[in-house]
Amino acid sequence: QVQLAESGGGLVQPGGSLRLSCAASGHSFNSYSSTVGWFRQAPGKEREFVATFRRNGSRSYYADSVQGRFTISRDNAKNMVYLQMNSLKPEDTAVYYCAVGTRLISSTLRNGAAYDYWGQGTQVTVSS
């Protein structure tokens, strides 16, 4: 059984940084078929894609709203995935979720419905 656990959320001032972590059990992020993504959901809004890393091709993809500010990375030895968030803005406030899929194709990387497993989420609040 695959379980994901996010951590690292908190309250940060605009312009600040946070690093979110995603730990997995029952799944290897280094598996060739693995795609791990970060999504977020703000109050009253739909869940939206933030970033994803596809092991097949070793490429990362980002939402336009976070491109250049957020970076997704992996630590294979620890089986962890991270989301480094810099230059945070109030509009980045949301619950952030880690998700994993093993059957994604290029056209579905940004679609949350294509991911099989989800963590419980971690709250990120950007406010002065």
Protein backbone atom coordinates (compact mmCIF):
# COMPACT_ATOMS: atom_id res chain seq x y z
CA GLN A 1 0.00 0.00 0.00
CA VAL A 2 1.35 3.39 -0.99
CA GLN A 3 1.31 6.14 1.60
CA LEU A 4 2.50 9.71 1.17
CA ALA A 5 3.19 12.22 3.91
CA GLU A 6 3.86 15.91 3.38
CA SER A 7 5.64 18.18 5.83
CA GLY A 8 7.29 21.57 5.96
CA GLY A 9 4.33 23.87 5.67
CA GLY A 10 3.86 26.91 7.86
CA LEU A 11 3.44 30.65 8.03
CA VAL A 12 5.91 32.78 6.08
CA GLN A 13 6.08 36.43 5.12
CA PRO A 14 5.78 37.53 1.49
CA GLY A 15 9.12 37.13 -0.23
CA GLY A 16 10.13 34.32 2.09
CA SER A 17 10.92 30.69 1.40
CA LEU A 18 9.73 27.26 2.49
CA ARG A 19 10.72 23.75 1.57
CA LEU A 20 8.02 21.11 1.51
CA SER A 21 8.88 17.45 1.83
CA CYS A 22 7.04 14.36 0.66
CA ALA A 23 7.91 10.96 2.08
CA ALA A 24 6.65 7.76 0.53
CA SER A 25 6.18 4.23 1.77
CA GLY A 26 5.31 1.43 -0.59
CA HIS A 27 6.57 3.38 -3.59
CA SER A 28 9.97 4.31 -4.96
CA PHE A 29 10.27 7.77 -6.45
CA ASN A 30 13.19 6.42 -8.45
CA SER A 31 11.01 3.87 -10.19
CA TYR A 32 11.11 4.40 -13.97
CA SER A 33 7.33 4.63 -14.15
CA SER A 34 7.02 7.08 -11.26
CA THR A 35 5.66 10.57 -11.65
CA VAL A 36 5.40 12.69 -8.51
CA GLY A 37 3.53 15.93 -8.46
CA TRP A 38 2.66 18.80 -6.18
CA PHE A 39 -0.79 20.32 -6.25
CA ARG A 40 -2.43 22.96 -4.11
CA GLN A 41 -5.89 24.04 -3.11
CA ALA A 42 -6.78 27.43 -1.71
CA PRO A 43 -10.02 28.06 0.21
CA GLY A 44 -12.96 28.32 -2.16
CA LYS A 45 -10.85 27.36 -5.16
CA GLU A 46 -10.30 24.22 -7.16
CA ARG A 47 -7.19 22.14 -6.76
CA GLU A 48 -4.47 23.26 -9.15
CA PHE A 49 -1.29 21.83 -10.53
CA VAL A 50 1.96 23.25 -9.16
CA ALA A 51 4.85 21.06 -10.31
CA THR A 52 5.70 17.52 -11.30
CA PHE A 53 8.75 15.38 -11.88
CA ARG A 54 8.63 12.53 -14.33
CA ARG A 55 11.22 9.82 -13.80
CA ASN A 56 10.82 8.70 -17.42
CA GLY A 57 12.91 11.34 -19.13
CA SER A 58 13.90 12.96 -15.81
CA ARG A 59 12.04 16.17 -16.54
CA SER A 60 10.28 18.67 -14.36
CA TYR A 61 7.23 20.71 -15.26
CA TYR A 62 5.82 23.77 -13.53
CA ALA A 63 2.69 25.87 -13.53
CA ASP A 64 3.25 29.28 -15.08
CA SER A 65 2.38 30.90 -11.76
CA VAL A 66 5.34 29.29 -9.98
CA GLN A 67 7.87 28.94 -12.80
CA GLY A 68 11.19 30.40 -11.71
CA ARG A 69 10.19 30.51 -8.03
CA PHE A 70 9.53 26.86 -7.16
CA THR A 71 11.79 23.86 -7.72
CA ILE A 72 10.88 20.19 -7.42
CA SER A 73 13.68 17.78 -6.54
CA ARG A 74 14.29 14.24 -5.33
CA ASP A 75 16.59 12.47 -2.89
CA ASN A 76 16.70 8.89 -4.09
CA ALA A 77 18.65 7.65 -1.08
CA LYS A 78 15.96 8.92 1.27
CA ASN A 79 13.06 8.31 -1.12
CA MET A 80 11.94 11.87 -0.61
CA VAL A 81 10.64 14.57 -2.92
CA TYR A 82 10.90 18.25 -2.15
CA LEU A 83 9.29 21.45 -3.29
CA GLN A 84 11.51 24.45 -2.69
CA MET A 85 9.39 27.58 -2.73
CA ASN A 86 11.07 30.96 -2.99
CA SER A 87 9.76 34.50 -3.36
CA LEU A 88 6.45 33.43 -1.89
CA LYS A 89 3.38 35.54 -2.50
CA PRO A 90 0.08 35.75 -0.61
CA GLU A 91 -1.59 34.03 -3.54
CA ASP A 92 0.56 30.95 -2.88
CA THR A 93 -1.43 30.38 0.30
CA ALA A 94 -3.04 26.95 0.07
CA VAL A 95 -2.94 23.38 1.25
CA TYR A 96 -0.19 21.65 -0.70
CA TYR A 97 -0.49 18.00 -1.66
CA CYS A 98 2.00 15.47 -2.89
CA ALA A 99 0.70 12.92 -5.39
CA VAL A 100 2.11 9.94 -7.22
CA GLY A 101 1.13 8.20 -10.42
CA THR A 102 2.63 5.33 -12.35
CA ARG A 103 0.69 5.45 -15.61
CA LEU A 104 0.85 9.08 -16.61
CA ILE A 105 1.53 10.25 -20.13
CA SER A 106 2.71 13.67 -21.21
CA SER A 107 -0.79 15.01 -21.76
CA THR A 108 -1.95 14.11 -18.24
CA LEU A 109 0.97 15.34 -16.14
CA ARG A 110 -0.94 18.42 -14.98
CA ASN A 111 -4.19 16.57 -14.35
CA GLY A 112 -4.71 15.60 -10.74
CA ALA A 113 -7.21 12.92 -11.70
CA ALA A 114 -4.40 10.99 -13.38
CA TYR A 115 -2.50 10.50 -10.12
CA ASP A 116 -3.16 7.39 -8.07
CA TYR A 117 -2.05 8.26 -4.54
CA TRP A 118 -2.26 11.42 -2.47
CA GLY A 119 -0.95 12.68 0.83
CA GLN A 120 -2.99 14.48 3.47
CA GLY A 121 -1.59 17.89 2.62
CA THR A 122 0.34 20.58 4.45
CA GLN A 123 -0.82 24.16 4.97
CA VAL A 124 1.23 27.01 3.56
CA THR A 125 0.23 30.52 4.57
CA VAL A 126 1.95 33.57 3.12
CA SER A 127 1.06 36.66 5.07
CA SER A 128 2.62 39.65 6.75
